[in-house]
Amino acid sequence: MSEQAGRRVGIKEVAAAAGVSWKTVSNVVNDTGRVGDATRARVEAVIAELGYRPNLAGRQLRRGRTNTLALAVPWVHAPYFSVLAHEVIDVGSSRGYRVLIEETRSSRDTELEVARGFDVQAIDGIIFSPLELAPAEIDEVRGPVPLVLLGERADPDPGRERRTDHVSIDNVDAAAQVTTHLLESGRSRLGFLGAEPPGAGRTGAQRVQGFLDAHAAAGIDVDERWVLQVPQFSRPSGADAVEQVLPRIGQIDGLVCANDELALGALYALRRNGVRVPADLAVTGWDNTDDGRYSNPSLTTVAPDLRAIAETAVDRIIAQLEKPSVEPVDALVPHRLLVRESSRD
């Protein structure tokens, strides 16, 4: 905060020092009205000399906008969400918005607070990646603050009327694509790492479905014992899961992992136990994180277009601000399969 003699300089002091009205100072600061070049230069010089800073919060609240968005994600340290946050901040800035970050830590109570709009008036909209709340629950509790959901959210009642925008990639198609890549490379005994306990309805659900769909299309049965559950999408969970199935690891020749973190943990455990990737077992991930790009071997992965996710989400918030009655959309953004060393022969 700029101060003069220990206090904030006000607009009237600037006006008095420049010999103009406070309205003229306001016009200079807000670039409104007609102000002559000489007067503008004099006012700007006084503003710089006195260190005047306009009360942006008050000005924005009077307009009904704060030009501030919130991004709520489960974990800011997770590589996928940290890159997503960077993209949302960058896109928000390009649209004239500042972005604040909230870490929900997979807490149902925190997610409910986010869905309700934080019960504050300091943000114009919320971009939200939930883990614990289902879409129907969010529709039920959400407040009037513009809201956009991110990520895979399988809806048990797809025919219901939705109240909330949703931006994601086609997770079923992407999982089928990476599974088909392994099947067409000559591997026919695949496992899936990243299923979740029944009823969780989290990120793994649609990816498991795509894995099963690809097998059905190829006429190959899936051994359900190799659809492996994990407590978290993390490296320790990936490593622990592989350690538990090591005695029978020779039964499969490919492993589809629900994200790069699980895959990197799996690669670590396989390497420690002398299982060669991809010679003995091909491994794939999901998210296109930097660690997967530079791992040894480099990791085949599904790469969501994070820039497109950020742009679509921010633009949907703006659409809701400009027209509160706008119909919600279920937007799909592109993804790519990046084939690297971990699944090449």
Protein backbone atom coordinates (compact mmCIF):
# COMPACT_ATOMS: atom_id res chain seq x y z
CA MET A 1 0.00 0.00 0.00
CA SER A 2 1.40 3.42 -0.98
CA GLU A 3 1.27 5.92 1.86
CA GLN A 4 2.19 9.48 2.60
CA ALA A 5 3.08 10.41 6.16
CA GLY A 6 1.87 7.00 7.32
CA ARG A 7 -1.56 7.11 5.66
CA ARG A 8 -3.14 6.38 2.30
CA VAL A 9 -3.26 9.27 -0.13
CA GLY A 10 -6.82 10.07 -1.21
CA ILE A 11 -8.21 11.18 -4.54
CA LYS A 12 -9.09 14.63 -3.18
CA GLU A 13 -5.46 15.25 -2.17
CA VAL A 14 -4.34 14.38 -5.68
CA ALA A 15 -6.98 16.73 -7.09
CA ALA A 16 -5.88 19.60 -4.79
CA ALA A 17 -2.20 19.12 -5.63
CA ALA A 18 -2.92 19.01 -9.37
CA GLY A 19 -5.35 21.93 -9.24
CA VAL A 20 -8.23 19.94 -10.73
CA SER A 21 -11.48 18.42 -9.54
CA TRP A 22 -11.61 14.90 -8.05
CA LYS A 23 -13.78 13.93 -11.05
CA THR A 24 -10.92 14.83 -13.39
CA VAL A 25 -8.56 12.63 -11.37
CA SER A 26 -11.12 9.81 -11.58
CA ASN A 27 -11.32 10.25 -15.35
CA VAL A 28 -7.54 10.00 -15.63
CA VAL A 29 -7.34 6.90 -13.43
CA ASN A 30 -10.22 5.14 -15.17
CA ASP A 31 -9.44 6.47 -18.65
CA THR A 32 -12.95 7.84 -18.96
CA GLY A 33 -14.34 11.20 -19.99
CA ARG A 34 -12.41 13.86 -21.88
CA VAL A 35 -9.20 15.11 -20.31
CA GLY A 36 -6.72 17.35 -22.13
CA ASP A 37 -3.19 16.05 -22.67
CA ALA A 38 -1.58 18.71 -20.48
CA THR A 39 -4.05 18.15 -17.64
CA ARG A 40 -3.64 14.37 -17.89
CA ALA A 41 0.15 14.69 -17.74
CA ARG A 42 -0.08 16.99 -14.67
CA VAL A 43 -2.45 14.61 -12.85
CA GLU A 44 -0.31 11.57 -13.66
CA ALA A 45 2.80 13.38 -12.38
CA VAL A 46 1.05 14.16 -9.07
CA ILE A 47 -0.19 10.57 -8.78
CA ALA A 48 3.39 9.33 -9.16
CA GLU A 49 4.76 11.95 -6.73
CA LEU A 50 2.22 11.26 -3.98
CA GLY A 51 2.09 7.49 -4.52
CA TYR A 52 -1.68 7.47 -4.98
CA ARG A 53 -3.31 4.08 -5.54
CA PRO A 54 -7.01 3.94 -6.43
CA ASN A 55 -9.33 1.78 -4.36
CA LEU A 56 -9.76 -0.93 -6.98
CA ALA A 57 -11.85 -3.19 -4.77
CA GLY A 58 -14.40 -0.48 -4.09
CA ARG A 59 -14.52 0.57 -7.72
CA GLN A 60 -15.02 -3.01 -8.91
CA LEU A 61 -17.69 -3.76 -6.31
CA ARG A 62 -19.61 -0.67 -7.41
CA ARG A 63 -19.56 -2.12 -10.94
CA GLY A 64 -20.75 -5.47 -9.56
CA ARG A 65 -17.48 -7.21 -10.53
CA THR A 66 -14.21 -7.91 -8.73
CA ASN A 67 -12.33 -9.29 -11.74
CA THR A 68 -11.24 -12.14 -9.50
CA LEU A 69 -11.82 -15.85 -10.09
CA ALA A 70 -11.22 -18.81 -7.79
CA LEU A 71 -9.72 -22.11 -8.91
CA ALA A 72 -10.42 -24.98 -6.50
CA VAL A 73 -8.35 -28.15 -6.98
CA PRO A 74 -7.70 -31.19 -4.76
CA TRP A 75 -3.94 -30.83 -4.41
CA VAL A 76 -1.78 -27.94 -5.59
CA HIS A 77 1.40 -30.05 -5.36
CA ALA A 78 0.12 -32.63 -7.88
CA PRO A 79 1.87 -31.99 -11.22
CA TYR A 80 -1.34 -32.06 -13.27
CA PHE A 81 -3.09 -29.50 -11.07
CA SER A 82 -0.07 -27.24 -10.76
CA VAL A 83 0.21 -26.98 -14.56
CA LEU A 84 -3.57 -26.55 -14.84
CA ALA A 85 -3.39 -23.71 -12.30
CA HIS A 86 -0.65 -22.03 -14.32
CA GLU A 87 -2.80 -22.21 -17.46
CA VAL A 88 -5.93 -20.90 -15.72
CA ILE A 89 -3.96 -18.02 -14.19
CA ASP A 90 -2.45 -17.18 -17.60
CA VAL A 91 -5.78 -17.33 -19.42
CA GLY A 92 -7.51 -15.40 -16.65
CA SER A 93 -4.89 -12.66 -16.87
CA SER A 94 -5.37 -12.42 -20.62
CA ARG A 95 -9.11 -11.89 -20.01
CA GLY A 96 -8.52 -9.29 -17.28
CA TYR A 97 -8.99 -11.56 -14.24
CA ARG A 98 -6.86 -12.42 -11.24
CA VAL A 99 -7.08 -16.06 -10.10
CA LEU A 100 -6.98 -17.22 -6.48
CA ILE A 101 -6.23 -20.87 -5.63
CA GLU A 102 -8.10 -23.02 -3.11
CA GLU A 103 -6.81 -26.51 -2.16
CA THR A 104 -9.73 -28.74 -1.15
CA ARG A 105 -7.53 -31.72 -0.12
CA SER A 106 -10.36 -34.06 -1.12
CA SER A 107 -12.43 -32.83 1.82
CA ARG A 108 -16.15 -33.16 1.33
CA ASP A 109 -16.83 -30.22 3.65
CA THR A 110 -14.43 -27.98 1.74
CA GLU A 111 -15.92 -29.06 -1.58
CA LEU A 112 -19.38 -28.18 -0.29
CA GLU A 113 -18.10 -24.74 0.68
CA VAL A 114 -16.69 -24.27 -2.81
CA ALA A 115 -19.88 -25.44 -4.50
CA ARG A 116 -21.91 -22.97 -2.43
CA GLY A 117 -19.72 -20.13 -3.64
CA PHE A 118 -17.52 -19.67 -0.54
CA ASP A 119 -20.27 -17.44 0.92
CA VAL A 120 -18.29 -14.35 -0.09
CA GLN A 121 -18.76 -11.53 -2.59
CA ALA A 122 -15.11 -11.10 -3.49
CA ILE A 123 -15.05 -13.41 -6.53
CA ASP A 124 -16.82 -13.34 -9.86
CA GLY A 125 -16.71 -17.07 -10.55
CA ILE A 126 -15.32 -20.45 -9.53
CA ILE A 127 -13.54 -23.11 -11.58
CA PHE A 128 -13.81 -26.31 -9.57
CA SER A 129 -12.29 -29.80 -9.87
CA PRO A 130 -14.21 -31.91 -7.32
CA LEU A 131 -13.40 -35.41 -6.07
CA GLU A 132 -15.99 -36.12 -3.40
CA LEU A 133 -19.13 -34.42 -4.71
CA ALA A 134 -21.23 -35.86 -7.54
CA PRO A 135 -22.67 -33.51 -10.20
CA ALA A 136 -26.21 -33.88 -8.86
CA GLU A 137 -25.02 -32.87 -5.38
CA ILE A 138 -23.26 -29.82 -6.74
CA ASP A 139 -26.36 -28.80 -8.70
CA GLU A 140 -28.39 -29.16 -5.52
CA VAL A 141 -26.22 -27.00 -3.25
CA ARG A 142 -24.57 -24.52 -5.59
CA GLY A 143 -25.13 -20.84 -5.04
CA PRO A 144 -25.55 -17.99 -7.54
CA VAL A 145 -21.82 -17.53 -8.19
CA PRO A 146 -20.89 -18.62 -11.75
CA LEU A 147 -19.41 -22.12 -11.54
CA VAL A 148 -17.60 -24.42 -13.98
CA LEU A 149 -16.66 -28.02 -13.16
CA LEU A 150 -13.51 -29.71 -14.44
CA GLY A 151 -12.48 -33.33 -14.70
CA GLU A 152 -14.12 -36.67 -15.15
CA ARG A 153 -17.51 -36.79 -13.48
CA ALA A 154 -19.54 -39.82 -14.48
CA ASP A 155 -23.20 -38.95 -13.84
CA PRO A 156 -25.37 -41.90 -12.73
CA ASP A 157 -28.40 -40.05 -14.12
CA PRO A 158 -27.30 -38.56 -17.46
CA GLY A 159 -30.90 -37.72 -18.37
CA ARG A 160 -31.40 -35.23 -15.55
CA GLU A 161 -31.38 -31.49 -16.19
CA ARG A 162 -27.97 -30.05 -15.39
CA ARG A 163 -27.37 -26.66 -13.82
CA THR A 164 -23.59 -26.46 -14.05
CA ASP A 165 -21.07 -26.14 -16.88
CA HIS A 166 -18.58 -29.00 -17.19
CA VAL A 167 -15.28 -29.06 -19.10
CA SER A 168 -13.33 -32.28 -19.69
CA ILE A 169 -11.71 -34.50 -22.25
CA ASP A 170 -13.48 -37.65 -23.48
CA ASN A 171 -12.03 -39.96 -20.83
CA VAL A 172 -13.70 -43.11 -22.15
CA ASP A 173 -12.38 -42.52 -25.66
CA ALA A 174 -8.90 -41.63 -24.41
CA ALA A 175 -8.68 -44.77 -22.27
CA ALA A 176 -9.88 -46.91 -25.18
CA GLN A 177 -7.26 -45.26 -27.39
CA VAL A 178 -4.31 -46.00 -25.11
CA THR A 179 -5.58 -49.54 -24.48
CA THR A 180 -5.97 -50.17 -28.23
CA HIS A 181 -2.41 -48.91 -28.73
CA LEU A 182 -1.13 -51.67 -26.46
CA LEU A 183 -3.37 -54.34 -27.96
CA GLU A 184 -2.33 -53.44 -31.52
CA SER A 185 1.34 -53.57 -30.52
CA GLY A 186 0.90 -57.30 -29.89
CA ARG A 187 0.16 -57.26 -26.18
CA SER A 188 -3.02 -59.09 -25.24
CA ARG A 189 -2.84 -59.55 -21.45
CA LEU A 190 -3.36 -56.13 -19.95
CA GLY A 191 -3.91 -54.79 -16.48
CA PHE A 192 -5.42 -51.50 -15.37
CA LEU A 193 -3.97 -49.61 -12.41
CA GLY A 194 -6.21 -46.92 -10.96
CA ALA A 195 -9.64 -48.37 -10.27
CA GLU A 196 -11.34 -47.04 -7.17
CA PRO A 197 -13.60 -48.54 -4.52
CA PRO A 198 -17.23 -49.04 -5.61
CA GLY A 199 -19.34 -45.91 -5.21
CA ALA A 200 -16.42 -43.49 -5.21
CA GLY A 201 -17.32 -42.18 -8.66
CA ARG A 202 -13.95 -40.52 -9.06
CA THR A 203 -11.50 -40.10 -11.92
CA GLY A 204 -10.91 -43.80 -12.59
CA ALA A 205 -14.49 -44.76 -13.48
CA GLN A 206 -14.64 -43.62 -17.10
CA ARG A 207 -11.03 -44.65 -17.72
CA VAL A 208 -11.81 -48.18 -16.58
CA GLN A 209 -14.81 -48.12 -18.91
CA GLY A 210 -12.64 -47.16 -21.88
CA PHE A 211 -10.19 -49.94 -20.97
CA LEU A 212 -13.07 -52.46 -20.97
CA ASP A 213 -14.57 -51.06 -24.20
CA ALA A 214 -11.28 -51.46 -26.09
CA HIS A 215 -11.04 -55.10 -25.03
CA ALA A 216 -14.64 -55.74 -26.07
CA ALA A 217 -13.99 -54.18 -29.48
CA ALA A 218 -10.96 -56.45 -29.92
CA GLY A 219 -12.87 -59.53 -28.76
CA ILE A 220 -10.53 -60.05 -25.81
CA ASP A 221 -11.74 -60.91 -22.32
CA VAL A 222 -10.54 -58.87 -19.35
CA ASP A 223 -9.23 -60.65 -16.28
CA GLU A 224 -10.97 -58.67 -13.52
CA ARG A 225 -8.19 -59.62 -11.09
CA TRP A 226 -5.99 -57.22 -13.06
CA VAL A 227 -8.25 -54.21 -12.63
CA LEU A 228 -6.33 -52.95 -9.63
CA GLN A 229 -7.74 -50.55 -7.05
CA VAL A 230 -5.69 -47.79 -5.44
CA PRO A 231 -6.43 -45.51 -2.48
CA GLN A 232 -4.90 -42.45 -4.19
CA PHE A 233 -3.56 -41.44 -7.60
CA SER A 234 -0.01 -41.11 -6.28
CA ARG A 235 3.45 -42.58 -6.81
CA PRO A 236 3.42 -44.48 -3.50
CA SER A 237 0.06 -46.03 -4.42
CA GLY A 238 1.42 -47.07 -7.81
CA ALA A 239 4.55 -48.59 -6.32
CA ASP A 240 2.64 -50.37 -3.54
CA ALA A 241 0.13 -51.85 -5.98
CA VAL A 242 2.90 -53.29 -8.16
CA GLU A 243 4.74 -54.71 -5.14
CA GLN A 244 1.55 -56.53 -4.09
CA VAL A 245 1.09 -58.25 -7.46
CA LEU A 246 4.77 -58.99 -8.17
CA PRO A 247 4.39 -62.76 -7.62
CA ARG A 248 2.03 -62.89 -10.62
CA ILE A 249 3.34 -59.95 -12.68
CA GLY A 250 4.32 -62.35 -15.47
CA GLN A 251 0.65 -62.94 -16.20
CA ILE A 252 0.34 -59.59 -17.98
CA ASP A 253 2.37 -57.87 -20.70
CA GLY A 254 0.92 -54.36 -20.45
CA LEU A 255 -0.28 -52.01 -17.70
CA VAL A 256 -2.59 -49.05 -18.33
CA CYS A 257 -2.26 -46.55 -15.47
CA ALA A 258 -4.94 -43.97 -14.70
CA ASN A 259 -2.40 -41.17 -14.35
CA ASP A 260 1.33 -40.48 -14.66
CA GLU A 261 1.85 -40.46 -10.89
CA LEU A 262 0.64 -44.06 -10.61
CA ALA A 263 2.70 -45.01 -13.65
CA LEU A 264 5.88 -43.46 -12.25
CA GLY A 265 5.39 -45.34 -8.99
CA ALA A 266 4.85 -48.54 -10.99
CA LEU A 267 8.02 -47.94 -13.02
CA TYR A 268 10.00 -47.49 -9.81
CA ALA A 269 8.75 -50.76 -8.31
CA LEU A 270 9.23 -52.68 -11.55
CA ARG A 271 12.80 -51.43 -11.95
CA ARG A 272 13.65 -52.32 -8.35
CA ASN A 273 12.43 -55.87 -8.94
CA GLY A 274 14.14 -56.48 -12.25
CA VAL A 275 11.07 -56.26 -14.50
CA ARG A 276 12.10 -54.66 -17.80
CA VAL A 277 9.92 -51.95 -19.35
CA PRO A 278 8.81 -52.34 -22.09
CA ALA A 279 10.52 -55.68 -22.88
CA ASP A 280 8.69 -57.59 -20.12
CA LEU A 281 5.84 -55.19 -19.46
CA ALA A 282 4.65 -52.06 -21.29
CA VAL A 283 3.42 -49.21 -19.08
CA THR A 284 1.31 -46.17 -19.96
CA GLY A 285 0.23 -43.12 -17.98
CA TRP A 286 -2.08 -40.13 -18.25
CA ASP A 287 -1.64 -36.32 -17.98
CA ASN A 288 1.66 -35.73 -19.84
CA THR A 289 3.58 -34.47 -16.80
CA ASP A 290 7.19 -33.33 -17.11
CA ASP A 291 8.41 -36.20 -14.92
CA GLY A 292 6.88 -38.70 -17.33
CA ARG A 293 8.54 -37.00 -20.26
CA TYR A 294 11.98 -37.31 -18.66
CA SER A 295 11.59 -40.65 -16.82
CA ASN A 296 13.64 -43.69 -17.80
CA PRO A 297 12.09 -45.05 -19.91
CA SER A 298 10.08 -42.04 -21.01
CA LEU A 299 6.39 -42.59 -20.38
CA THR A 300 3.68 -43.13 -22.98
CA THR A 301 0.77 -40.96 -21.85
CA VAL A 302 -2.59 -39.39 -22.63
CA ALA A 303 -2.08 -35.63 -22.98
CA PRO A 304 -5.14 -33.48 -22.24
CA ASP A 305 -5.07 -30.04 -23.85
CA LEU A 306 -4.74 -28.08 -20.62
CA ARG A 307 -4.69 -24.74 -22.42
CA ALA A 308 -8.02 -25.56 -24.05
CA ILE A 309 -9.44 -26.67 -20.70
CA ALA A 310 -8.38 -23.37 -19.10
CA GLU A 311 -9.64 -21.23 -21.97
CA THR A 312 -12.99 -23.00 -22.13
CA ALA A 313 -13.49 -22.82 -18.36
CA VAL A 314 -12.65 -19.12 -18.07
CA ASP A 315 -14.77 -18.25 -21.09
CA ARG A 316 -17.74 -20.17 -19.65
CA ILE A 317 -17.43 -18.14 -16.43
CA ILE A 318 -17.44 -14.94 -18.49
CA ALA A 319 -20.46 -16.18 -20.46
CA GLN A 320 -22.35 -16.73 -17.19
CA LEU A 321 -21.38 -13.27 -15.94
CA GLU A 322 -22.57 -11.60 -19.12
CA LYS A 323 -25.81 -13.61 -19.26
CA PRO A 324 -26.77 -15.31 -15.98
CA SER A 325 -29.55 -17.24 -17.74
CA VAL A 326 -27.19 -18.85 -20.26
CA GLU A 327 -27.70 -22.60 -20.62
CA PRO A 328 -24.95 -24.79 -19.10
CA VAL A 329 -22.77 -26.77 -21.51
CA ASP A 330 -20.87 -30.05 -21.30
CA ALA A 331 -17.73 -29.13 -23.22
CA LEU A 332 -15.20 -31.67 -24.49
CA VAL A 333 -11.67 -30.49 -25.29
CA PRO A 334 -9.00 -32.33 -27.31
CA HIS A 335 -6.46 -34.87 -26.09
CA ARG A 336 -3.54 -36.71 -27.70
CA LEU A 337 -1.85 -40.05 -27.19
CA LEU A 338 1.92 -39.54 -26.91
CA VAL A 339 3.74 -42.82 -27.55
CA ARG A 340 7.14 -42.99 -25.88
CA GLU A 341 9.70 -45.58 -24.79
CA SER A 342 7.62 -47.28 -22.08
CA SER A 343 5.34 -48.93 -24.65
CA ARG A 344 7.59 -49.18 -27.72
CA ASP A 345 9.11 -52.52 -28.71
